[in-house]
PDB file of all heavy atoms in Angstrom:
ATOM      1  N   ILE A   1     -11.675   3.396 -17.210  1.00  0.00           N
ATOM      2  CA  ILE A   1     -12.386   4.478 -16.514  1.00  0.00           C
ATOM      3  C   ILE A   1     -11.685   4.704 -15.173  1.00  0.00           C
ATOM      4  O   ILE A   1     -11.735   3.844 -14.297  1.00  0.00           O
ATOM      5  CB  ILE A   1     -13.865   4.119 -16.309  1.00  0.00           C
ATOM      6  CG1 ILE A   1     -14.525   3.813 -17.649  1.00  0.00           C
ATOM      7  CG2 ILE A   1     -14.594   5.214 -15.538  1.00  0.00           C
ATOM      8  CD1 ILE A   1     -15.907   3.244 -17.554  1.00  0.00           C
ATOM      9  N   PRO A   2     -10.998   5.801 -15.028  1.00  0.00           N
ATOM     10  CA  PRO A   2     -10.277   6.059 -13.787  1.00  0.00           C
ATOM     11  C   PRO A   2     -11.224   6.340 -12.624  1.00  0.00           C
ATOM     12  O   PRO A   2     -12.368   6.766 -12.841  1.00  0.00           O
ATOM     13  CB  PRO A   2      -9.422   7.283 -14.111  1.00  0.00           C
ATOM     14  CG  PRO A   2     -10.145   7.978 -15.202  1.00  0.00           C
ATOM     15  CD  PRO A   2     -10.871   6.903 -15.990  1.00  0.00           C
ATOM     16  N   ASN A   3     -10.748   6.098 -11.443  1.00  0.00           N
ATOM     17  CA  ASN A   3     -11.528   6.418 -10.251  1.00  0.00           C
ATOM     18  C   ASN A   3     -11.496   7.913 -10.039  1.00  0.00           C
ATOM     19  O   ASN A   3     -10.463   8.499  -9.691  1.00  0.00           O
ATOM     20  CB  ASN A   3     -10.944   5.699  -9.035  1.00  0.00           C
ATOM     21  CG  ASN A   3     -11.737   5.971  -7.778  1.00  0.00           C
ATOM     22  OD1 ASN A   3     -12.718   6.677  -7.812  1.00  0.00           O
ATOM     23  ND2 ASN A   3     -11.305   5.409  -6.672  1.00  0.00           N
ATOM     24  N   MET A   4     -12.626   8.556 -10.255  1.00  0.00           N
ATOM     25  CA  MET A   4     -12.675  10.015 -10.190  1.00  0.00           C
ATOM     26  C   MET A   4     -13.380  10.500  -8.920  1.00  0.00           C
ATOM     27  O   MET A   4     -13.738  11.665  -8.813  1.00  0.00           O
ATOM     28  CB  MET A   4     -13.383  10.584 -11.422  1.00  0.00           C
ATOM     29  CG  MET A   4     -12.680  10.256 -12.728  1.00  0.00           C
ATOM     30  SD  MET A   4     -10.998  10.891 -12.796  1.00  0.00           S
ATOM     31  CE  MET A   4     -11.296  12.639 -12.887  1.00  0.00           C
ATOM     32  N   TYR A   5     -13.602   9.624  -7.949  1.00  0.00           N
ATOM     33  CA  TYR A   5     -14.302  10.047  -6.735  1.00  0.00           C
ATOM     34  C   TYR A   5     -13.462  11.079  -5.995  1.00  0.00           C
ATOM     35  O   TYR A   5     -12.314  10.854  -5.675  1.00  0.00           O
ATOM     36  CB  TYR A   5     -14.570   8.829  -5.831  1.00  0.00           C
ATOM     37  CG  TYR A   5     -15.272   9.168  -4.558  1.00  0.00           C
ATOM     38  CD1 TYR A   5     -16.609   9.531  -4.573  1.00  0.00           C
ATOM     39  CD2 TYR A   5     -14.591   9.170  -3.347  1.00  0.00           C
ATOM     40  CE1 TYR A   5     -17.270   9.843  -3.402  1.00  0.00           C
ATOM     41  CE2 TYR A   5     -15.250   9.486  -2.167  1.00  0.00           C
ATOM     42  CZ  TYR A   5     -16.581   9.822  -2.207  1.00  0.00           C
ATOM     43  OH  TYR A   5     -17.236  10.148  -1.033  1.00  0.00           O
ATOM     44  N   GLN A   6     -14.051  12.223  -5.751  1.00  0.00           N
ATOM     45  CA  GLN A   6     -13.341  13.302  -5.074  1.00  0.00           C
ATOM     46  C   GLN A   6     -13.935  13.611  -3.704  1.00  0.00           C
ATOM     47  O   GLN A   6     -13.588  14.612  -3.085  1.00  0.00           O
ATOM     48  CB  GLN A   6     -13.366  14.578  -5.947  1.00  0.00           C
ATOM     49  CG  GLN A   6     -12.717  14.417  -7.299  1.00  0.00           C
ATOM     50  CD  GLN A   6     -11.230  14.122  -7.194  1.00  0.00           C
ATOM     51  OE1 GLN A   6     -10.530  14.676  -6.383  1.00  0.00           O
ATOM     52  NE2 GLN A   6     -10.765  13.220  -8.024  1.00  0.00           N
ATOM     53  N   GLY A   7     -14.827  12.764  -3.250  1.00  0.00           N
ATOM     54  CA  GLY A   7     -15.496  13.013  -1.963  1.00  0.00           C
ATOM     55  C   GLY A   7     -14.604  12.685  -0.775  1.00  0.00           C
ATOM     56  O   GLY A   7     -13.405  12.422  -0.898  1.00  0.00           O
ATOM     57  N   ARG A   8     -15.222  12.700   0.387  1.00  0.00           N
ATOM     58  CA  ARG A   8     -14.516  12.418   1.634  1.00  0.00           C
ATOM     59  C   ARG A   8     -13.971  10.982   1.616  1.00  0.00           C
ATOM     60  O   ARG A   8     -14.662  10.057   1.184  1.00  0.00           O
ATOM     61  CB  ARG A   8     -15.479  12.582   2.805  1.00  0.00           C
ATOM     62  CG  ARG A   8     -14.800  12.608   4.136  1.00  0.00           C
ATOM     63  CD  ARG A   8     -15.833  12.763   5.214  1.00  0.00           C
ATOM     64  NE  ARG A   8     -16.365  11.405   5.436  1.00  0.00           N
ATOM     65  CZ  ARG A   8     -17.086  11.046   6.457  1.00  0.00           C
ATOM     66  NH1 ARG A   8     -17.421  11.919   7.362  1.00  0.00           N
ATOM     67  NH2 ARG A   8     -17.518   9.838   6.591  1.00  0.00           N
ATOM     68  N   ARG A   9     -12.772  10.809   2.053  1.00  0.00           N
ATOM     69  CA  ARG A   9     -12.157   9.492   2.074  1.00  0.00           C
ATOM     70  C   ARG A   9     -12.864   8.600   3.095  1.00  0.00           C
ATOM     71  O   ARG A   9     -13.125   9.020   4.210  1.00  0.00           O
ATOM     72  CB  ARG A   9     -10.670   9.609   2.422  1.00  0.00           C
ATOM     73  CG  ARG A   9      -9.961   8.310   2.322  1.00  0.00           C
ATOM     74  CD  ARG A   9      -8.489   8.469   2.583  1.00  0.00           C
ATOM     75  NE  ARG A   9      -7.875   7.184   2.397  1.00  0.00           N
ATOM     76  CZ  ARG A   9      -6.683   6.994   1.931  1.00  0.00           C
ATOM     77  NH1 ARG A   9      -5.949   8.027   1.592  1.00  0.00           N
ATOM     78  NH2 ARG A   9      -6.187   5.801   1.791  1.00  0.00           N
ATOM     79  N   ARG A  10     -13.136   7.385   2.675  1.00  0.00           N
ATOM     80  CA  ARG A  10     -13.814   6.424   3.557  1.00  0.00           C
ATOM     81  C   ARG A  10     -12.833   5.323   3.926  1.00  0.00           C
ATOM     82  O   ARG A  10     -11.994   4.951   3.132  1.00  0.00           O
ATOM     83  CB  ARG A  10     -15.037   5.847   2.869  1.00  0.00           C
ATOM     84  CG  ARG A  10     -16.102   6.875   2.598  1.00  0.00           C
ATOM     85  CD  ARG A  10     -17.235   6.350   1.811  1.00  0.00           C
ATOM     86  NE  ARG A  10     -17.586   4.982   2.199  1.00  0.00           N
ATOM     87  CZ  ARG A  10     -18.399   4.208   1.526  1.00  0.00           C
ATOM     88  NH1 ARG A  10     -18.936   4.634   0.433  1.00  0.00           N
ATOM     89  NH2 ARG A  10     -18.678   2.996   1.917  1.00  0.00           N
ATOM     90  N   HIS A  11     -12.976   4.810   5.100  1.00  0.00           N
ATOM     91  CA  HIS A  11     -12.130   3.705   5.563  1.00  0.00           C
ATOM     92  C   HIS A  11     -12.977   2.457   5.663  1.00  0.00           C
ATOM     93  O   HIS A  11     -14.135   2.509   6.071  1.00  0.00           O
ATOM     94  CB  HIS A  11     -11.494   4.029   6.904  1.00  0.00           C
ATOM     95  CG  HIS A  11     -10.607   5.239   6.850  1.00  0.00           C
ATOM     96  ND1 HIS A  11      -9.345   5.187   6.307  1.00  0.00           N
ATOM     97  CD2 HIS A  11     -10.824   6.521   7.210  1.00  0.00           C
ATOM     98  CE1 HIS A  11      -8.801   6.385   6.369  1.00  0.00           C
ATOM     99  NE2 HIS A  11      -9.685   7.225   6.895  1.00  0.00           N
ATOM    100  N   PRO A  12     -12.421   1.298   5.324  1.00  0.00           N
ATOM    101  CA  PRO A  12     -13.164   0.054   5.437  1.00  0.00           C
ATOM    102  C   PRO A  12     -13.644  -0.171   6.869  1.00  0.00           C
ATOM    103  O   PRO A  12     -12.937   0.198   7.817  1.00  0.00           O
ATOM    104  CB  PRO A  12     -12.173  -1.027   5.024  1.00  0.00           C
ATOM    105  CG  PRO A  12     -11.090  -0.310   4.327  1.00  0.00           C
ATOM    106  CD  PRO A  12     -11.078   1.088   4.859  1.00  0.00           C
ATOM    107  N   ARG A  13     -14.802  -0.753   6.998  1.00  0.00           N
ATOM    108  CA  ARG A  13     -15.339  -1.039   8.315  1.00  0.00           C
ATOM    109  C   ARG A  13     -14.538  -2.155   8.965  1.00  0.00           C
ATOM    110  O   ARG A  13     -14.139  -3.128   8.317  1.00  0.00           O
ATOM    111  CB  ARG A  13     -16.797  -1.464   8.191  1.00  0.00           C
ATOM    112  CG  ARG A  13     -17.381  -1.840   9.527  1.00  0.00           C
ATOM    113  CD  ARG A  13     -18.805  -2.158   9.445  1.00  0.00           C
ATOM    114  NE  ARG A  13     -19.236  -2.653  10.741  1.00  0.00           N
ATOM    115  CZ  ARG A  13     -20.425  -3.061  11.004  1.00  0.00           C
ATOM    116  NH1 ARG A  13     -21.359  -3.032  10.068  1.00  0.00           N
ATOM    117  NH2 ARG A  13     -20.743  -3.514  12.200  1.00  0.00           N
ATOM    118  N   THR A  14     -14.304  -2.031  10.237  1.00  0.00           N
ATOM    119  CA  THR A  14     -13.693  -3.107  11.022  1.00  0.00           C
ATOM    120  C   THR A  14     -14.811  -3.938  11.634  1.00  0.00           C
ATOM    121  O   THR A  14     -15.630  -3.413  12.398  1.00  0.00           O
ATOM    122  CB  THR A  14     -12.797  -2.519  12.146  1.00  0.00           C
ATOM    123  OG1 THR A  14     -11.820  -1.689  11.525  1.00  0.00           O
ATOM    124  CG2 THR A  14     -12.122  -3.613  12.907  1.00  0.00           C
ATOM    125  N   TRP A  15     -14.875  -5.184  11.263  1.00  0.00           N
ATOM    126  CA  TRP A  15     -15.931  -6.068  11.750  1.00  0.00           C
ATOM    127  C   TRP A  15     -15.551  -6.657  13.093  1.00  0.00           C
ATOM    128  O   TRP A  15     -14.433  -7.087  13.305  1.00  0.00           O
ATOM    129  CB  TRP A  15     -16.163  -7.208  10.774  1.00  0.00           C
ATOM    130  CG  TRP A  15     -16.727  -6.747   9.465  1.00  0.00           C
ATOM    131  CD1 TRP A  15     -16.039  -6.491   8.328  1.00  0.00           C
ATOM    132  CD2 TRP A  15     -18.105  -6.461   9.183  1.00  0.00           C
ATOM    133  NE1 TRP A  15     -16.902  -6.062   7.331  1.00  0.00           N
ATOM    134  CE2 TRP A  15     -18.168  -6.038   7.834  1.00  0.00           C
ATOM    135  CE3 TRP A  15     -19.279  -6.529   9.929  1.00  0.00           C
ATOM    136  CZ2 TRP A  15     -19.335  -5.688   7.223  1.00  0.00           C
ATOM    137  CZ3 TRP A  15     -20.466  -6.168   9.322  1.00  0.00           C
ATOM    138  CH2 TRP A  15     -20.496  -5.758   7.985  1.00  0.00           C
ATOM    139  N   GLN A  16     -16.499  -6.683  13.971  1.00  0.00           N
ATOM    140  CA  GLN A  16     -16.345  -7.368  15.252  1.00  0.00           C
ATOM    141  C   GLN A  16     -16.839  -8.795  15.088  1.00  0.00           C
ATOM    142  O   GLN A  16     -17.712  -9.080  14.258  1.00  0.00           O
ATOM    143  CB  GLN A  16     -17.157  -6.644  16.337  1.00  0.00           C
ATOM    144  CG  GLN A  16     -16.784  -5.202  16.525  1.00  0.00           C
ATOM    145  CD  GLN A  16     -15.330  -5.002  16.900  1.00  0.00           C
ATOM    146  OE1 GLN A  16     -14.800  -5.717  17.734  1.00  0.00           O
ATOM    147  NE2 GLN A  16     -14.689  -4.049  16.266  1.00  0.00           N
ATOM    148  N   THR A  17     -16.318  -9.692  15.860  1.00  0.00           N
ATOM    149  CA  THR A  17     -16.686 -11.084  15.758  1.00  0.00           C
ATOM    150  C   THR A  17     -18.200 -11.298  15.904  1.00  0.00           C
ATOM    151  O   THR A  17     -18.782 -12.112  15.219  1.00  0.00           O
ATOM    152  CB  THR A  17     -15.951 -11.933  16.827  1.00  0.00           C
ATOM    153  OG1 THR A  17     -14.544 -11.679  16.681  1.00  0.00           O
ATOM    154  CG2 THR A  17     -16.217 -13.397  16.685  1.00  0.00           C
ATOM    155  N   SER A  18     -18.816 -10.516  16.753  1.00  0.00           N
ATOM    156  CA  SER A  18     -20.239 -10.701  17.027  1.00  0.00           C
ATOM    157  C   SER A  18     -21.163  -9.958  16.038  1.00  0.00           C
ATOM    158  O   SER A  18     -22.382 -10.134  16.081  1.00  0.00           O
ATOM    159  CB  SER A  18     -20.557 -10.224  18.438  1.00  0.00           C
ATOM    160  OG  SER A  18     -20.257  -8.842  18.564  1.00  0.00           O
ATOM    161  N   ASP A  19     -20.616  -9.139  15.168  1.00  0.00           N
ATOM    162  CA  ASP A  19     -21.436  -8.386  14.201  1.00  0.00           C
ATOM    163  C   ASP A  19     -22.104  -9.330  13.207  1.00  0.00           C
ATOM    164  O   ASP A  19     -21.484 -10.277  12.723  1.00  0.00           O
ATOM    165  CB  ASP A  19     -20.580  -7.390  13.400  1.00  0.00           C
ATOM    166  CG  ASP A  19     -20.122  -6.209  14.228  1.00  0.00           C
ATOM    167  OD1 ASP A  19     -20.656  -6.004  15.323  1.00  0.00           O
ATOM    168  OD2 ASP A  19     -19.187  -5.531  13.774  1.00  0.00           O
ATOM    169  N   GLU A  20     -23.367  -9.028  12.883  1.00  0.00           N
ATOM    170  CA  GLU A  20     -24.022  -9.779  11.813  1.00  0.00           C
ATOM    171  C   GLU A  20     -23.493  -9.307  10.482  1.00  0.00           C
ATOM    172  O   GLU A  20     -23.372  -8.108  10.239  1.00  0.00           O
ATOM    173  CB  GLU A  20     -25.543  -9.574  11.892  1.00  0.00           C
ATOM    174  CG  GLU A  20     -26.279 -10.431  10.901  1.00  0.00           C
ATOM    175  CD  GLU A  20     -27.784 -10.379  11.112  1.00  0.00           C
ATOM    176  OE1 GLU A  20     -28.277 -10.951  12.077  1.00  0.00           O
ATOM    177  OE2 GLU A  20     -28.447  -9.734  10.267  1.00  0.00           O
ATOM    178  N   LYS A  21     -23.164 -10.246   9.633  1.00  0.00           N
ATOM    179  CA  LYS A  21     -22.623  -9.937   8.301  1.00  0.00           C
ATOM    180  C   LYS A  21     -23.575 -10.468   7.238  1.00  0.00           C
ATOM    181  O   LYS A  21     -23.860 -11.643   7.223  1.00  0.00           O
ATOM    182  CB  LYS A  21     -21.240 -10.548   8.160  1.00  0.00           C
ATOM    183  CG  LYS A  21     -20.251 -10.088   9.210  1.00  0.00           C
ATOM    184  CD  LYS A  21     -19.152 -11.134   9.404  1.00  0.00           C
ATOM    185  CE  LYS A  21     -18.535 -11.060  10.753  1.00  0.00           C
ATOM    186  NZ  LYS A  21     -19.278 -11.622  11.837  1.00  0.00           N
ATOM    187  N   THR A  22     -24.067  -9.599   6.383  1.00  0.00           N
ATOM    188  CA  THR A  22     -25.023 -10.000   5.365  1.00  0.00           C
ATOM    189  C   THR A  22     -24.382  -9.913   3.992  1.00  0.00           C
ATOM    190  O   THR A  22     -23.797  -8.896   3.638  1.00  0.00           O
ATOM    191  CB  THR A  22     -26.268  -9.095   5.415  1.00  0.00           C
ATOM    192  OG1 THR A  22     -26.851  -9.178   6.716  1.00  0.00           O
ATOM    193  CG2 THR A  22     -27.298  -9.518   4.363  1.00  0.00           C
ATOM    194  N   PHE A  23     -24.507 -10.998   3.238  1.00  0.00           N
ATOM    195  CA  PHE A  23     -23.974 -11.053   1.883  1.00  0.00           C
ATOM    196  C   PHE A  23     -25.161 -11.161   0.932  1.00  0.00           C
ATOM    197  O   PHE A  23     -26.114 -11.882   1.185  1.00  0.00           O
ATOM    198  CB  PHE A  23     -23.077 -12.286   1.689  1.00  0.00           C
ATOM    199  CG  PHE A  23     -21.829 -12.219   2.497  1.00  0.00           C
ATOM    200  CD1 PHE A  23     -21.786 -12.693   3.804  1.00  0.00           C
ATOM    201  CD2 PHE A  23     -20.681 -11.662   1.948  1.00  0.00           C
ATOM    202  CE1 PHE A  23     -20.638 -12.622   4.560  1.00  0.00           C
ATOM    203  CE2 PHE A  23     -19.506 -11.582   2.692  1.00  0.00           C
ATOM    204  CZ  PHE A  23     -19.487 -12.067   4.024  1.00  0.00           C
ATOM    205  N   LEU A  24     -25.108 -10.414  -0.172  1.00  0.00           N
ATOM    206  CA  LEU A  24     -26.136 -10.483  -1.209  1.00  0.00           C
ATOM    207  C   LEU A  24     -25.589 -11.226  -2.407  1.00  0.00           C
ATOM    208  O   LEU A  24     -24.458 -10.997  -2.825  1.00  0.00           O
ATOM    209  CB  LEU A  24     -26.542  -9.084  -1.670  1.00  0.00           C
ATOM    210  CG  LEU A  24     -27.184  -8.184  -0.650  1.00  0.00           C
ATOM    211  CD1 LEU A  24     -27.477  -6.815  -1.264  1.00  0.00           C
ATOM    212  CD2 LEU A  24     -28.450  -8.784  -0.101  1.00  0.00           C
ATOM    213  N   TYR A  25     -26.391 -12.118  -2.943  1.00  0.00           N
ATOM    214  CA  TYR A  25     -26.048 -12.803  -4.194  1.00  0.00           C
ATOM    215  C   TYR A  25     -27.047 -12.287  -5.222  1.00  0.00           C
ATOM    216  O   TYR A  25     -28.217 -12.649  -5.194  1.00  0.00           O
ATOM    217  CB  TYR A  25     -26.160 -14.320  -4.043  1.00  0.00           C
ATOM    218  CG  TYR A  25     -25.474 -15.075  -5.156  1.00  0.00           C
ATOM    219  CD1 TYR A  25     -24.406 -15.897  -4.881  1.00  0.00           C
ATOM    220  CD2 TYR A  25     -25.895 -14.956  -6.475  1.00  0.00           C
ATOM    221  CE1 TYR A  25     -23.764 -16.606  -5.902  1.00  0.00           C
ATOM    222  CE2 TYR A  25     -25.266 -15.632  -7.474  1.00  0.00           C
ATOM    223  CZ  TYR A  25     -24.197 -16.465  -7.187  1.00  0.00           C
ATOM    224  OH  TYR A  25     -23.568 -17.144  -8.187  1.00  0.00           O
ATOM    225  N   VAL A  26     -26.616 -11.391  -6.075  1.00  0.00           N
ATOM    226  CA  VAL A  26     -27.480 -10.746  -7.052  1.00  0.00           C
ATOM    227  C   VAL A  26     -27.430 -11.476  -8.373  1.00  0.00           C
ATOM    228  O   VAL A  26     -26.361 -11.647  -8.960  1.00  0.00           O
ATOM    229  CB  VAL A  26     -27.101  -9.257  -7.254  1.00  0.00           C
ATOM    230  CG1 VAL A  26     -28.017  -8.583  -8.237  1.00  0.00           C
ATOM    231  CG2 VAL A  26     -27.090  -8.529  -5.904  1.00  0.00           C
ATOM    232  N   GLY A  27     -28.570 -11.957  -8.823  1.00  0.00           N
ATOM    233  CA  GLY A  27     -28.638 -12.641 -10.121  1.00  0.00           C
ATOM    234  C   GLY A  27     -29.967 -13.382 -10.234  1.00  0.00           C
ATOM    235  O   GLY A  27     -30.483 -13.924  -9.265  1.00  0.00           O
ATOM    236  N   ASN A  28     -30.535 -13.377 -11.426  1.00  0.00           N
ATOM    237  CA  ASN A  28     -31.779 -14.098 -11.633  1.00  0.00           C
ATOM    238  C   ASN A  28     -31.571 -15.573 -11.386  1.00  0.00           C
ATOM    239  O   ASN A  28     -30.468 -16.096 -11.524  1.00  0.00           O
ATOM    240  CB  ASN A  28     -32.299 -13.845 -13.045  1.00  0.00           C
ATOM    241  CG  ASN A  28     -32.790 -12.428 -13.233  1.00  0.00           C
ATOM    242  OD1 ASN A  28     -33.242 -11.801 -12.301  1.00  0.00           O
ATOM    243  ND2 ASN A  28     -32.658 -11.914 -14.448  1.00  0.00           N
ATOM    244  N   TYR A  29     -32.657 -16.252 -11.029  1.00  0.00           N
ATOM    245  CA  TYR A  29     -32.588 -17.674 -10.720  1.00  0.00           C
ATOM    246  C   TYR A  29     -32.530 -18.486 -12.017  1.00  0.00           C
ATOM    247  O   TYR A  29     -33.543 -18.916 -12.547  1.00  0.00           O
ATOM    248  CB  TYR A  29     -33.793 -18.095  -9.872  1.00  0.00           C
ATOM    249  CG  TYR A  29     -33.812 -17.409  -8.531  1.00  0.00           C
ATOM    250  CD1 TYR A  29     -34.544 -16.260  -8.316  1.00  0.00           C
ATOM    251  CD2 TYR A  29     -33.035 -17.900  -7.491  1.00  0.00           C
ATOM    252  CE1 TYR A  29     -34.538 -15.614  -7.083  1.00  0.00           C
ATOM    253  CE2 TYR A  29     -33.008 -17.274  -6.260  1.00  0.00           C
ATOM    254  CZ  TYR A  29     -33.768 -16.132  -6.077  1.00  0.00           C
ATOM    255  OH  TYR A  29     -33.759 -15.492  -4.856  1.00  0.00           O
ATOM    256  N   ILE A  30     -31.328 -18.641 -12.498  1.00  0.00           N
ATOM    257  CA  ILE A  30     -31.079 -19.386 -13.735  1.00  0.00           C
ATOM    258  C   ILE A  30     -29.969 -20.381 -13.446  1.00  0.00           C
ATOM    259  O   ILE A  30     -28.902 -20.000 -12.961  1.00  0.00           O
ATOM    260  CB  ILE A  30     -30.665 -18.465 -14.883  1.00  0.00           C
ATOM    261  CG1 ILE A  30     -31.766 -17.454 -15.177  1.00  0.00           C
ATOM    262  CG2 ILE A  30     -30.285 -19.251 -16.130  1.00  0.00           C
ATOM    263  CD1 ILE A  30     -31.359 -16.349 -16.160  1.00  0.00           C
ATOM    264  N   GLU A  31     -30.232 -21.649 -13.697  1.00  0.00           N
ATOM    265  CA  GLU A  31     -29.197 -22.660 -13.448  1.00  0.00           C
ATOM    266  C   GLU A  31     -27.951 -22.290 -14.256  1.00  0.00           C
ATOM    267  O   GLU A  31     -28.032 -21.934 -15.423  1.00  0.00           O
ATOM    268  CB  GLU A  31     -29.718 -24.042 -13.875  1.00  0.00           C
ATOM    269  CG  GLU A  31     -28.859 -25.153 -13.333  1.00  0.00           C
ATOM    270  CD  GLU A  31     -29.516 -26.523 -13.455  1.00  0.00           C
ATOM    271  OE1 GLU A  31     -30.641 -26.613 -13.989  1.00  0.00           O
ATOM    272  OE2 GLU A  31     -28.901 -27.481 -12.995  1.00  0.00           O
ATOM    273  N   GLY A  32     -26.804 -22.359 -13.620  1.00  0.00           N
ATOM    274  CA  GLY A  32     -25.570 -21.980 -14.265  1.00  0.00           C
ATOM    275  C   GLY A  32     -25.029 -20.633 -13.775  1.00  0.00           C
ATOM    276  O   GLY A  32     -23.889 -20.287 -14.062  1.00  0.00           O
ATOM    277  N   LYS A  33     -25.868 -19.880 -13.041  1.00  0.00           N
ATOM    278  CA  LYS A  33     -25.404 -18.586 -12.497  1.00  0.00           C
ATOM    279  C   LYS A  33     -24.616 -18.782 -11.192  1.00  0.00           C
ATOM    280  O   LYS A  33     -24.027 -17.848 -10.705  1.00  0.00           O
ATOM    281  CB  LYS A  33     -26.583 -17.669 -12.244  1.00  0.00           C
ATOM    282  CG  LYS A  33     -27.234 -17.187 -13.510  1.00  0.00           C
ATOM    283  CD  LYS A  33     -27.202 -15.695 -13.543  1.00  0.00           C
ATOM    284  CE  LYS A  33     -27.827 -15.229 -14.861  1.00  0.00           C
ATOM    285  NZ  LYS A  33     -27.437 -13.902 -15.161  1.00  0.00           N
ATOM    286  N   GLY A  34     -24.638 -19.983 -10.650  1.00  0.00           N
ATOM    287  CA  GLY A  34     -23.800 -20.306  -9.502  1.00  0.00           C
ATOM    288  C   GLY A  34     -24.432 -20.192  -8.131  1.00  0.00           C
ATOM    289  O   GLY A  34     -23.729 -20.330  -7.125  1.00  0.00           O
ATOM    290  N   GLN A  35     -25.739 -19.922  -8.058  1.00  0.00           N
ATOM    291  CA  GLN A  35     -26.360 -19.823  -6.745  1.00  0.00           C
ATOM    292  C   GLN A  35     -26.188 -21.117  -5.929  1.00  0.00           C
ATOM    293  O   GLN A  35     -25.984 -21.072  -4.733  1.00  0.00           O
ATOM    294  CB  GLN A  35     -27.851 -19.492  -6.835  1.00  0.00           C
ATOM    295  CG  GLN A  35     -28.124 -18.071  -7.211  1.00  0.00           C
ATOM    296  CD  GLN A  35     -28.497 -17.894  -8.665  1.00  0.00           C
ATOM    297  OE1 GLN A  35     -28.091 -18.687  -9.523  1.00  0.00           O
ATOM    298  NE2 GLN A  35     -29.242 -16.861  -8.975  1.00  0.00           N
ATOM    299  N   ASP A  36     -26.244 -22.273  -6.603  1.00  0.00           N
ATOM    300  CA  ASP A  36     -26.079 -23.544  -5.909  1.00  0.00           C
ATOM    301  C   ASP A  36     -24.663 -23.673  -5.343  1.00  0.00           C
ATOM    302  O   ASP A  36     -24.489 -24.112  -4.193  1.00  0.00           O
ATOM    303  CB  ASP A  36     -26.434 -24.714  -6.812  1.00  0.00           C
ATOM    304  CG  ASP A  36     -25.713 -24.682  -8.182  1.00  0.00           C
ATOM    305  OD1 ASP A  36     -25.207 -23.610  -8.580  1.00  0.00           O
ATOM    306  OD2 ASP A  36     -25.684 -25.728  -8.836  1.00  0.00           O
ATOM    307  N   ILE A  37     -23.675 -23.232  -6.076  1.00  0.00           N
ATOM    308  CA  ILE A  37     -22.298 -23.275  -5.609  1.00  0.00           C
ATOM    309  C   ILE A  37     -22.126 -22.311  -4.439  1.00  0.00           C
ATOM    310  O   ILE A  37     -21.509 -22.638  -3.412  1.00  0.00           O
ATOM    311  CB  ILE A  37     -21.330 -22.946  -6.747  1.00  0.00           C
ATOM    312  CG1 ILE A  37     -21.419 -24.011  -7.831  1.00  0.00           C
ATOM    313  CG2 ILE A  37     -19.885 -22.829  -6.230  1.00  0.00           C
ATOM    314  CD1 ILE A  37     -20.746 -23.650  -9.146  1.00  0.00           C
ATOM    315  N   GLY A  38     -22.692 -21.117  -4.585  1.00  0.00           N
ATOM    316  CA  GLY A  38     -22.614 -20.125  -3.510  1.00  0.00           C
ATOM    317  C   GLY A  38     -23.281 -20.604  -2.242  1.00  0.00           C
ATOM    318  O   GLY A  38     -22.795 -20.379  -1.132  1.00  0.00           O
ATOM    319  N   LEU A  39     -24.390 -21.289  -2.393  1.00  0.00           N
ATOM    320  CA  LEU A  39     -25.126 -21.828  -1.235  1.00  0.00           C
ATOM    321  C   LEU A  39     -24.294 -22.894  -0.517  1.00  0.00           C
ATOM    322  O   LEU A  39     -24.227 -22.894   0.719  1.00  0.00           O
ATOM    323  CB  LEU A  39     -26.462 -22.380  -1.687  1.00  0.00           C
ATOM    324  CG  LEU A  39     -27.442 -22.784  -0.606  1.00  0.00           C
ATOM    325  CD1 LEU A  39     -27.721 -21.616   0.348  1.00  0.00           C
ATOM    326  CD2 LEU A  39     -28.744 -23.253  -1.242  1.00  0.00           C
TER     327      LEU A  39
END
């Protein structure tokens, strides 16, 4: 599936050292999905 996005070009955000960075770990709580490793 080719990238067909034709909208305005976006640039990656430049993070500052003091910026809060939030990561989401999406997945049901099932042993073996890796939440323990991620933690």
